[in-house]
PDB file of N, CA and C in Angstrom:
ATOM      1  N   MET A   1      12.884-129.301 -53.964  1.00  0.00           N
ATOM      2  CA  MET A   1      12.878-130.289 -52.914  1.00  0.00           C
ATOM      3  C   MET A   1      13.225-129.632 -51.584  1.00  0.00           C
ATOM      4  N   TYR A   2      14.255-128.815 -51.558  1.00  0.00           N
ATOM      5  CA  TYR A   2      14.655-128.200 -50.294  1.00  0.00           C
ATOM      6  C   TYR A   2      13.596-127.221 -49.798  1.00  0.00           C
ATOM      7  N   LEU A   3      13.000-126.485 -50.720  1.00  0.00           N
ATOM      8  CA  LEU A   3      11.954-125.541 -50.329  1.00  0.00           C
ATOM      9  C   LEU A   3      10.758-126.284 -49.748  1.00  0.00           C
ATOM     10  N   ASP A   4      10.363-127.374 -50.387  1.00  0.00           N
ATOM     11  CA  ASP A   4       9.259-128.178 -49.855  1.00  0.00           C
ATOM     12  C   ASP A   4       9.612-128.745 -48.488  1.00  0.00           C
ATOM     13  N   THR A   5      10.810-129.260 -48.374  1.00  0.00           N
ATOM     14  CA  THR A   5      11.215-129.882 -47.115  1.00  0.00           C
ATOM     15  C   THR A   5      11.249-128.861 -45.986  1.00  0.00           C
ATOM     16  N   ILE A   6      11.887-127.752 -46.217  1.00  0.00           N
ATOM     17  CA  ILE A   6      12.003-126.748 -45.160  1.00  0.00           C
ATOM     18  C   ILE A   6      10.660-126.080 -44.899  1.00  0.00           C
ATOM     19  N   GLY A   7       9.985-125.685 -45.975  1.00  0.00           N
ATOM     20  CA  GLY A   7       8.710-124.984 -45.797  1.00  0.00           C
ATOM     21  C   GLY A   7       7.609-125.867 -45.255  1.00  0.00           C
ATOM     22  N   LEU A   8       7.384-126.997 -45.898  1.00  0.00           N
ATOM     23  CA  LEU A   8       6.275-127.868 -45.512  1.00  0.00           C
ATOM     24  C   LEU A   8       6.529-128.535 -44.160  1.00  0.00           C
ATOM     25  N   LEU A   9       7.671-129.153 -44.009  1.00  0.00           N
ATOM     26  CA  LEU A   9       7.958-129.818 -42.737  1.00  0.00           C
ATOM     27  C   LEU A   9       8.083-128.816 -41.607  1.00  0.00           C
ATOM     28  N   GLY A  10       8.659-127.658 -41.898  1.00  0.00           N
ATOM     29  CA  GLY A  10       8.766-126.630 -40.870  1.00  0.00           C
ATOM     30  C   GLY A  10       7.402-126.135 -40.430  1.00  0.00           C
ATOM     31  N   ALA A  11       6.503-125.933 -41.383  1.00  0.00           N
ATOM     32  CA  ALA A  11       5.156-125.467 -41.037  1.00  0.00           C
ATOM     33  C   ALA A  11       4.387-126.529 -40.264  1.00  0.00           C
ATOM     34  N   ILE A  12       4.506-127.772 -40.668  1.00  0.00           N
ATOM     35  CA  ILE A  12       3.793-128.846 -39.970  1.00  0.00           C
ATOM     36  C   ILE A  12       4.350-129.038 -38.564  1.00  0.00           C
ATOM     37  N   SER A  13       5.656-128.928 -38.420  1.00  0.00           N
ATOM     38  CA  SER A  13       6.270-129.179 -37.115  1.00  0.00           C
ATOM     39  C   SER A  13       5.859-128.157 -36.065  1.00  0.00           C
ATOM     40  N   THR A  14       5.446-126.974 -36.480  1.00  0.00           N
ATOM     41  CA  THR A  14       5.038-125.964 -35.498  1.00  0.00           C
ATOM     42  C   THR A  14       3.671-126.260 -34.890  1.00  0.00           C
ATOM     43  N   SER A  15       2.938-127.219 -35.446  1.00  0.00           N
ATOM     44  CA  SER A  15       1.613-127.533 -34.912  1.00  0.00           C
ATOM     45  C   SER A  15       1.672-128.431 -33.679  1.00  0.00           C
ATOM     46  N   PHE A  16       2.842-128.948 -33.341  1.00  0.00           N
ATOM     47  CA  PHE A  16       2.985-129.822 -32.174  1.00  0.00           C
ATOM     48  C   PHE A  16       3.447-129.007 -30.978  1.00  0.00           C
ATOM     49  N   ASP A  17       2.737-129.158 -29.858  1.00  0.00           N
ATOM     50  CA  ASP A  17       3.092-128.412 -28.650  1.00  0.00           C
ATOM     51  C   ASP A  17       3.954-129.232 -27.701  1.00  0.00           C
ATOM     52  N   ALA A  18       3.571-130.481 -27.493  1.00  0.00           N
ATOM     53  CA  ALA A  18       4.290-131.330 -26.540  1.00  0.00           C
ATOM     54  C   ALA A  18       5.552-131.902 -27.173  1.00  0.00           C
ATOM     55  N   LEU A  19       6.452-132.381 -26.332  1.00  0.00           N
ATOM     56  CA  LEU A  19       7.741-132.891 -26.798  1.00  0.00           C
ATOM     57  C   LEU A  19       7.603-134.228 -27.529  1.00  0.00           C
ATOM     58  N   GLU A  20       6.759-135.133 -27.018  1.00  0.00           N
ATOM     59  CA  GLU A  20       6.650-136.460 -27.637  1.00  0.00           C
ATOM     60  C   GLU A  20       6.168-136.410 -29.080  1.00  0.00           C
ATOM     61  N   PRO A  21       5.129-135.637 -29.400  1.00  0.00           N
ATOM     62  CA  PRO A  21       4.734-135.562 -30.813  1.00  0.00           C
ATOM     63  C   PRO A  21       5.812-134.941 -31.698  1.00  0.00           C
ATOM     64  N   LYS A  22       6.558-133.982 -31.161  1.00  0.00           N
ATOM     65  CA  LYS A  22       7.652-133.385 -31.931  1.00  0.00           C
ATOM     66  C   LYS A  22       8.719-134.423 -32.244  1.00  0.00           C
ATOM     67  N   ILE A  23       9.053-135.261 -31.269  1.00  0.00           N
ATOM     68  CA  ILE A  23      10.058-136.309 -31.482  1.00  0.00           C
ATOM     69  C   ILE A  23       9.535-137.339 -32.478  1.00  0.00           C
ATOM     70  N   ALA A  24       8.282-137.740 -32.329  1.00  0.00           N
ATOM     71  CA  ALA A  24       7.699-138.711 -33.266  1.00  0.00           C
ATOM     72  C   ALA A  24       7.688-138.158 -34.684  1.00  0.00           C
ATOM     73  N   PHE A  25       7.347-136.881 -34.835  1.00  0.00           N
ATOM     74  CA  PHE A  25       7.342-136.261 -36.155  1.00  0.00           C
ATOM     75  C   PHE A  25       8.759-136.214 -36.724  1.00  0.00           C
ATOM     76  N   GLY A  26       9.736-135.872 -35.900  1.00  0.00           N
ATOM     77  CA  GLY A  26      11.125-135.826 -36.354  1.00  0.00           C
ATOM     78  C   GLY A  26      11.628-137.194 -36.783  1.00  0.00           C
ATOM     79  N   VAL A  27      11.290-138.223 -36.012  1.00  0.00           N
ATOM     80  CA  VAL A  27      11.705-139.585 -36.368  1.00  0.00           C
ATOM     81  C   VAL A  27      11.039-140.016 -37.673  1.00  0.00           C
ATOM     82  N   GLY A  28       9.750-139.713 -37.830  1.00  0.00           N
ATOM     83  CA  GLY A  28       9.052-140.056 -39.067  1.00  0.00           C
ATOM     84  C   GLY A  28       9.629-139.338 -40.271  1.00  0.00           C
ATOM     85  N   ALA A  29       9.948-138.063 -40.113  1.00  0.00           N
ATOM     86  CA  ALA A  29      10.537-137.304 -41.218  1.00  0.00           C
ATOM     87  C   ALA A  29      11.923-137.846 -41.569  1.00  0.00           C
ATOM     88  N   THR A  30      12.681-138.249 -40.573  1.00  0.00           N
ATOM     89  CA  THR A  30      14.001-138.815 -40.821  1.00  0.00           C
ATOM     90  C   THR A  30      13.895-140.151 -41.541  1.00  0.00           C
ATOM     91  N   LEU A  31      12.970-141.001 -41.112  1.00  0.00           N
ATOM     92  CA  LEU A  31      12.778-142.284 -41.786  1.00  0.00           C
ATOM     93  C   LEU A  31      12.320-142.088 -43.230  1.00  0.00           C
ATOM     94  N   ALA A  32      11.471-141.106 -43.460  1.00  0.00           N
ATOM     95  CA  ALA A  32      11.026-140.826 -44.825  1.00  0.00           C
ATOM     96  C   ALA A  32      12.197-140.369 -45.688  1.00  0.00           C
ATOM     97  N   SER A  33      13.100-139.593 -45.116  1.00  0.00           N
ATOM     98  CA  SER A  33      14.241-139.137 -45.908  1.00  0.00           C
ATOM     99  C   SER A  33      15.159-140.312 -46.249  1.00  0.00           C
ATOM    100  N   PHE A  34      15.307-141.268 -45.332  1.00  0.00           N
ATOM    101  CA  PHE A  34      16.106-142.454 -45.659  1.00  0.00           C
ATOM    102  C   PHE A  34      15.426-143.292 -46.727  1.00  0.00           C
ATOM    103  N   PHE A  35      14.089-143.310 -46.733  1.00  0.00           N
ATOM    104  CA  PHE A  35      13.367-144.020 -47.779  1.00  0.00           C
ATOM    105  C   PHE A  35      13.698-143.419 -49.147  1.00  0.00           C
ATOM    106  N   PHE A  36      13.653-142.098 -49.248  1.00  0.00           N
ATOM    107  CA  PHE A  36      13.951-141.457 -50.530  1.00  0.00           C
ATOM    108  C   PHE A  36      15.415-141.626 -50.907  1.00  0.00           C
ATOM    109  N   PHE A  37      16.286-141.638 -49.918  1.00  0.00           N
ATOM    110  CA  PHE A  37      17.701-141.882 -50.169  1.00  0.00           C
ATOM    111  C   PHE A  37      17.914-143.285 -50.729  1.00  0.00           C
ATOM    112  N   SER A  38      17.153-144.248 -50.202  1.00  0.00           N
ATOM    113  CA  SER A  38      17.302-145.630 -50.657  1.00  0.00           C
ATOM    114  C   SER A  38      16.735-145.851 -52.061  1.00  0.00           C
ATOM    115  N   LEU A  39      15.878-144.948 -52.530  1.00  0.00           N
ATOM    116  CA  LEU A  39      15.359-145.080 -53.888  1.00  0.00           C
ATOM    117  C   LEU A  39      16.470-145.032 -54.934  1.00  0.00           C
ATOM    118  N   GLY A  40      17.516-144.261 -54.664  1.00  0.00           N
ATOM    119  CA  GLY A  40      18.646-144.195 -55.591  1.00  0.00           C
ATOM    120  C   GLY A  40      19.333-145.543 -55.732  1.00  0.00           C
ATOM    121  N   TYR A  41      19.532-146.223 -54.606  1.00  0.00           N
ATOM    122  CA  TYR A  41      20.142-147.549 -54.666  1.00  0.00           C
ATOM    123  C   TYR A  41      19.191-148.575 -55.281  1.00  0.00           C
ATOM    124  N   GLY A  42      17.909-148.432 -54.977  1.00  0.00           N
ATOM    125  CA  GLY A  42      16.928-149.334 -55.575  1.00  0.00           C
ATOM    126  C   GLY A  42      16.868-149.170 -57.081  1.00  0.00           C
ATOM    127  N   ALA A  43      17.016-147.951 -57.553  1.00  0.00           N
ATOM    128  CA  ALA A  43      17.007-147.701 -58.998  1.00  0.00           C
ATOM    129  C   ALA A  43      18.191-148.393 -59.662  1.00  0.00           C
ATOM    130  N   ARG A  44      19.317-148.360 -58.998  1.00  0.00           N
ATOM    131  CA  ARG A  44      20.504-149.032 -59.556  1.00  0.00           C
ATOM    132  C   ARG A  44      20.285-150.540 -59.609  1.00  0.00           C
ATOM    133  N   LEU A  45      19.675-151.086 -58.582  1.00  0.00           N
ATOM    134  CA  LEU A  45      19.451-152.530 -58.543  1.00  0.00           C
ATOM    135  C   LEU A  45      18.367-152.973 -59.531  1.00  0.00           C
ATOM    136  N   LEU A  46      17.394-152.103 -59.778  1.00  0.00           N
ATOM    137  CA  LEU A  46      16.299-152.458 -60.680  1.00  0.00           C
ATOM    138  C   LEU A  46      16.544-152.051 -62.127  1.00  0.00           C
ATOM    139  N   ALA A  47      17.671-151.435 -62.396  1.00  0.00           N
ATOM    140  CA  ALA A  47      17.965-150.993 -63.767  1.00  0.00           C
ATOM    141  C   ALA A  47      17.899-152.133 -64.780  1.00  0.00           C
ATOM    142  N   PRO A  48      18.441-153.324 -64.484  1.00  0.00           N
ATOM    143  CA  PRO A  48      18.334-154.415 -65.465  1.00  0.00           C
ATOM    144  C   PRO A  48      16.887-154.832 -65.741  1.00  0.00           C
ATOM    145  N   VAL A  49      16.030-154.743 -64.722  1.00  0.00           N
ATOM    146  CA  VAL A  49      14.629-155.119 -64.900  1.00  0.00           C
ATOM    147  C   VAL A  49      13.932-154.135 -65.835  1.00  0.00           C
ATOM    148  N   PHE A  50      14.233-152.844 -65.658  1.00  0.00           N
ATOM    149  CA  PHE A  50      13.541-151.818 -66.437  1.00  0.00           C
ATOM    150  C   PHE A  50      14.190-151.538 -67.789  1.00  0.00           C
ATOM    151  N   GLU A  51      15.060-152.428 -68.212  1.00  0.00           N
ATOM    152  CA  GLU A  51      15.558-152.351 -69.587  1.00  0.00           C
ATOM    153  C   GLU A  51      14.522-152.889 -70.568  1.00  0.00           C
ATOM    154  N   ARG A  52      13.563-153.645 -70.034  1.00  0.00           N
ATOM    155  CA  ARG A  52      12.497-154.208 -70.878  1.00  0.00           C
ATOM    156  C   ARG A  52      11.283-153.289 -70.882  1.00  0.00           C
ATOM    157  N   PRO A  53      10.704-153.030 -72.035  1.00  0.00           N
ATOM    158  CA  PRO A  53       9.517-152.167 -72.114  1.00  0.00           C
ATOM    159  C   PRO A  53       8.319-152.718 -71.330  1.00  0.00           C
ATOM    160  N   ARG A  54       8.217-154.029 -71.227  1.00  0.00           N
ATOM    161  CA  ARG A  54       7.098-154.641 -70.495  1.00  0.00           C
ATOM    162  C   ARG A  54       7.127-154.238 -69.021  1.00  0.00           C
ATOM    163  N   ALA A  55       8.307-154.100 -68.442  1.00  0.00           N
ATOM    164  CA  ALA A  55       8.419-153.690 -67.040  1.00  0.00           C
ATOM    165  C   ALA A  55       7.883-152.274 -66.847  1.00  0.00           C
ATOM    166  N   TRP A  56       8.162-151.391 -67.809  1.00  0.00           N
ATOM    167  CA  TRP A  56       7.649-150.025 -67.723  1.00  0.00           C
ATOM    168  C   TRP A  56       6.131-150.012 -67.858  1.00  0.00           C
ATOM    169  N   THR A  57       5.599-150.861 -68.694  1.00  0.00           N
ATOM    170  CA  THR A  57       4.146-150.952 -68.849  1.00  0.00           C
ATOM    171  C   THR A  57       3.503-151.405 -67.546  1.00  0.00           C
ATOM    172  N   LEU A  58       4.075-152.419 -66.925  1.00  0.00           N
ATOM    173  CA  LEU A  58       3.533-152.906 -65.652  1.00  0.00           C
ATOM    174  C   LEU A  58       3.642-151.855 -64.554  1.00  0.00           C
ATOM    175  N   LEU A  59       4.737-151.115 -64.532  1.00  0.00           N
ATOM    176  CA  LEU A  59       4.898-150.043 -63.556  1.00  0.00           C
ATOM    177  C   LEU A  59       3.846-148.954 -63.778  1.00  0.00           C
ATOM    178  N   ASP A  60       3.630-148.590 -65.042  1.00  0.00           N
ATOM    179  CA  ASP A  60       2.619-147.577 -65.349  1.00  0.00           C
ATOM    180  C   ASP A  60       1.228-148.038 -64.933  1.00  0.00           C
ATOM    181  N   ILE A  61       0.917-149.304 -65.150  1.00  0.00           N
ATOM    182  CA  ILE A  61      -0.380-149.840 -64.746  1.00  0.00           C
ATOM    183  C   ILE A  61      -0.523-149.817 -63.224  1.00  0.00           C
ATOM    184  N   ALA A  62       0.517-150.192 -62.525  1.00  0.00           N
ATOM    185  CA  ALA A  62       0.479-150.184 -61.058  1.00  0.00           C
ATOM    186  C   ALA A  62       0.278-148.766 -60.529  1.00  0.00           C
ATOM    187  N   ILE A  63       0.966-147.799 -61.110  1.00  0.00           N
ATOM    188  CA  ILE A  63       0.806-146.408 -60.686  1.00  0.00           C
ATOM    189  C   ILE A  63      -0.607-145.924 -60.982  1.00  0.00           C
ATOM    190  N   ALA A  64      -1.149-146.282 -62.146  1.00  0.00           N
ATOM    191  CA  ALA A  64      -2.512-145.878 -62.496  1.00  0.00           C
ATOM    192  C   ALA A  64      -3.532-146.472 -61.524  1.00  0.00           C
ATOM    193  N   VAL A  65      -3.345-147.724 -61.139  1.00  0.00           N
ATOM    194  CA  VAL A  65      -4.263-148.359 -60.186  1.00  0.00           C
ATOM    195  C   VAL A  65      -4.208-147.639 -58.843  1.00  0.00           C
ATOM    196  N   ILE A  66      -3.018-147.290 -58.388  1.00  0.00           N
ATOM    197  CA  ILE A  66      -2.873-146.585 -57.115  1.00  0.00           C
ATOM    198  C   ILE A  66      -3.523-145.208 -57.181  1.00  0.00           C
ATOM    199  N   ILE A  67      -3.293-144.483 -58.270  1.00  0.00           N
ATOM    200  CA  ILE A  67      -3.881-143.152 -58.411  1.00  0.00           C
ATOM    201  C   ILE A  67      -5.405-143.239 -58.443  1.00  0.00           C
ATOM    202  N   TRP A  68      -5.952-144.197 -59.181  1.00  0.00           N
ATOM    203  CA  TRP A  68      -7.405-144.352 -59.239  1.00  0.00           C
ATOM    204  C   TRP A  68      -7.973-144.772 -57.883  1.00  0.00           C
ATOM    205  N   ALA A  69      -7.241-145.597 -57.145  1.00  0.00           N
ATOM    206  CA  ALA A  69      -7.708-145.998 -55.812  1.00  0.00           C
ATOM    207  C   ALA A  69      -7.744-144.794 -54.872  1.00  0.00           C
ATOM    208  N   ILE A  70      -6.729-143.953 -54.931  1.00  0.00           N
ATOM    209  CA  ILE A  70      -6.711-142.749 -54.096  1.00  0.00           C
ATOM    210  C   ILE A  70      -7.843-141.815 -54.504  1.00  0.00           C
ATOM    211  N   ALA A  71      -8.032-141.625 -55.807  1.00  0.00           N
ATOM    212  CA  ALA A  71      -9.102-140.747 -56.284  1.00  0.00           C
ATOM    213  C   ALA A  71     -10.472-141.267 -55.862  1.00  0.00           C
ATOM    214  N   THR A  72     -10.672-142.556 -55.978  1.00  0.00           N
ATOM    215  CA  THR A  72     -11.951-143.145 -55.584  1.00  0.00           C
ATOM    216  C   THR A  72     -12.200-142.977 -54.092  1.00  0.00           C
ATOM    217  N   SER A  73     -11.164-143.220 -53.282  1.00  0.00           N
ATOM    218  CA  SER A  73     -11.345-143.062 -51.838  1.00  0.00           C
ATOM    219  C   SER A  73     -11.616-141.609 -51.475  1.00  0.00           C
ATOM    220  N   LEU A  74     -11.015-140.672 -52.177  1.00  0.00           N
ATOM    221  CA  LEU A  74     -11.284-139.259 -51.904  1.00  0.00           C
ATOM    222  C   LEU A  74     -12.703-138.882 -52.299  1.00  0.00           C
ATOM    223  N   VAL A  75     -13.156-139.371 -53.443  1.00  0.00           N
ATOM    224  CA  VAL A  75     -14.512-139.058 -53.885  1.00  0.00           C
ATOM    225  C   VAL A  75     -15.526-139.693 -52.955  1.00  0.00           C
ATOM    226  N   LEU A  76     -15.346-140.951 -52.613  1.00  0.00           N
ATOM    227  CA  LEU A  76     -16.295-141.619 -51.719  1.00  0.00           C
ATOM    228  C   LEU A  76     -16.273-141.005 -50.325  1.00  0.00           C
ATOM    229  N   GLY A  77     -15.114-140.630 -49.871  1.00  0.00           N
ATOM    230  CA  GLY A  77     -15.012-139.970 -48.573  1.00  0.00           C
ATOM    231  C   GLY A  77     -15.676-138.604 -48.585  1.00  0.00           C
ATOM    232  N   ARG A  78     -15.597-137.920 -49.701  1.00  0.00           N
ATOM    233  CA  ARG A  78     -16.213-136.589 -49.835  1.00  0.00           C
ATOM    234  C   ARG A  78     -17.726-136.702 -49.770  1.00  0.00           C
ATOM    235  N   PHE A  79     -18.294-137.700 -50.459  1.00  0.00           N
ATOM    236  CA  PHE A  79     -19.746-137.852 -50.444  1.00  0.00           C
ATOM    237  C   PHE A  79     -20.244-138.451 -49.142  1.00  0.00           C
ATOM    238  N   ALA A  80     -19.428-139.247 -48.485  1.00  0.00           N
ATOM    239  CA  ALA A  80     -19.840-139.844 -47.214  1.00  0.00           C
ATOM    240  C   ALA A  80     -19.929-138.789 -46.111  1.00  0.00           C
ATOM    241  N   ALA A  81     -19.109-137.740 -46.209  1.00  0.00           N
ATOM    242  CA  ALA A  81     -19.094-136.706 -45.189  1.00  0.00           C
ATOM    243  C   ALA A  81     -20.285-135.763 -45.296  1.00  0.00           C
ATOM    244  N   THR A  82     -20.923-135.718 -46.478  1.00  0.00           N
ATOM    245  CA  THR A  82     -22.042-134.785 -46.658  1.00  0.00           C
ATOM    246  C   THR A  82     -23.373-135.434 -46.401  1.00  0.00           C
TER     247      THR A  82
END
């Protein structure tokens, strides 16, 4: 996680020349880190829900739908560009 954060965010941040995009990127990266921080608290709050196997099944289905939607958009975007 730290290697990705330092390496990836550091490499991306060097592509901005002006001050405003650098600040916007920093604010976005900070908000994203708070999102991941809040996942820990969300997991604690959702623990009673995920004690049931049906909840895990629904979560798996939702993740599969999202992955297939991303894959479809990438494939369609790839063919649309050619």
